[in-house]
Amino acid sequence: MIKIKYHREFTGTIKSCTISKTPSNKYFISVLVDTENTILPKVHKKIGIDVGLKEFAICSDGYRVANPKYLRKAEKG
């Protein structure tokens, strides 16, 4: 039995799976899924994005994205 971290649910038909093993004996699985394309409505709104040091990103509409200071630590869990 192998313990897994289930990231997201599959929708569609599974076409293939690839199992990989790292030199540190960790296993990873990649799943290729065939899904139907979703046609999104056209949006004519445009914004500018400034990537900075103090904040990760600032959009021209005023939306600010905080700098992910602890991103790598959070990814490791």
Protein backbone atom coordinates (compact mmCIF):
# COMPACT_ATOMS: atom_id res chain seq x y z
CA MET A 1 0.00 0.00 0.00
CA ILE A 2 1.27 3.48 -0.91
CA LYS A 3 0.19 6.65 0.92
CA ILE A 4 -0.92 9.43 -1.45
CA LYS A 5 -1.69 13.16 -1.43
CA TYR A 6 -4.83 13.53 -3.52
CA HIS A 7 -4.61 17.02 -5.04
CA ARG A 8 -7.73 17.24 -7.19
CA GLU A 9 -10.53 15.12 -8.59
CA PHE A 10 -10.33 13.78 -12.15
CA THR A 11 -13.08 14.62 -14.62
CA GLY A 12 -13.21 12.94 -18.00
CA THR A 13 -11.62 9.77 -19.30
CA ILE A 14 -8.22 8.65 -17.99
CA LYS A 15 -5.97 8.12 -21.02
CA SER A 16 -2.71 7.11 -19.32
CA CYS A 17 -0.84 7.01 -16.02
CA THR A 18 2.90 7.27 -15.45
CA ILE A 19 4.47 6.16 -12.18
CA SER A 20 7.93 7.55 -11.34
CA LYS A 21 10.33 6.79 -8.51
CA THR A 22 12.92 9.31 -7.33
CA PRO A 23 16.40 8.37 -6.08
CA SER A 24 15.11 9.09 -2.55
CA ASN A 25 12.47 6.34 -2.97
CA LYS A 26 9.49 8.67 -3.39
CA TYR A 27 6.83 7.72 -5.90
CA PHE A 28 4.88 10.12 -8.13
CA ILE A 29 2.02 9.45 -10.51
CA SER A 30 1.05 11.61 -13.49
CA VAL A 31 -2.42 11.11 -14.91
CA LEU A 32 -3.41 12.22 -18.42
CA VAL A 33 -7.15 12.89 -18.65
CA ASP A 34 -9.19 13.59 -21.80
CA THR A 35 -11.86 16.22 -21.11
CA GLU A 36 -14.20 18.28 -23.22
CA ASN A 37 -13.16 21.88 -23.90
CA THR A 38 -15.20 24.52 -22.15
CA ILE A 39 -15.87 27.59 -24.27
CA LEU A 40 -15.46 30.68 -22.11
CA PRO A 41 -17.23 33.95 -22.83
CA LYS A 42 -15.10 36.70 -24.37
CA VAL A 43 -14.11 39.42 -21.94
CA HIS A 44 -12.82 42.71 -23.28
CA LYS A 45 -11.42 43.96 -19.97
CA LYS A 46 -7.66 44.52 -19.90
CA ILE A 47 -5.33 45.19 -16.99
CA GLY A 48 -1.63 45.81 -16.48
CA ILE A 49 0.38 43.79 -13.97
CA ASP A 50 3.49 45.11 -12.22
CA VAL A 51 5.69 42.48 -10.56
CA GLY A 52 7.65 43.93 -7.66
CA LEU A 53 9.77 43.17 -4.63
CA LYS A 54 7.62 44.53 -1.79
CA GLU A 55 4.44 42.98 -3.17
CA PHE A 56 4.37 40.06 -5.58
CA ALA A 57 2.07 41.80 -8.07
CA ILE A 58 -0.01 44.95 -8.36
CA CYS A 59 -2.71 45.19 -11.03
CA SER A 60 -3.73 48.43 -12.72
CA ASP A 61 -7.21 48.03 -11.21
CA GLY A 62 -5.69 48.27 -7.70
CA TYR A 63 -5.72 44.55 -6.83
CA ARG A 64 -2.59 43.58 -4.88
CA VAL A 65 -1.07 40.12 -4.44
CA ALA A 66 1.06 39.65 -1.32
CA ASN A 67 4.61 38.41 -1.62
CA PRO A 68 4.68 34.62 -0.92
CA LYS A 69 7.49 34.86 1.67
CA TYR A 70 7.06 31.33 2.94
CA LEU A 71 6.03 29.64 -0.32
CA ARG A 72 8.73 26.94 -0.39
CA LYS A 73 8.17 26.09 3.28
CA ALA A 74 4.39 25.85 2.74
CA GLU A 75 4.85 23.64 -0.33
CA LYS A 76 6.92 21.15 1.67
CA GLY A 77 4.07 20.85 4.18
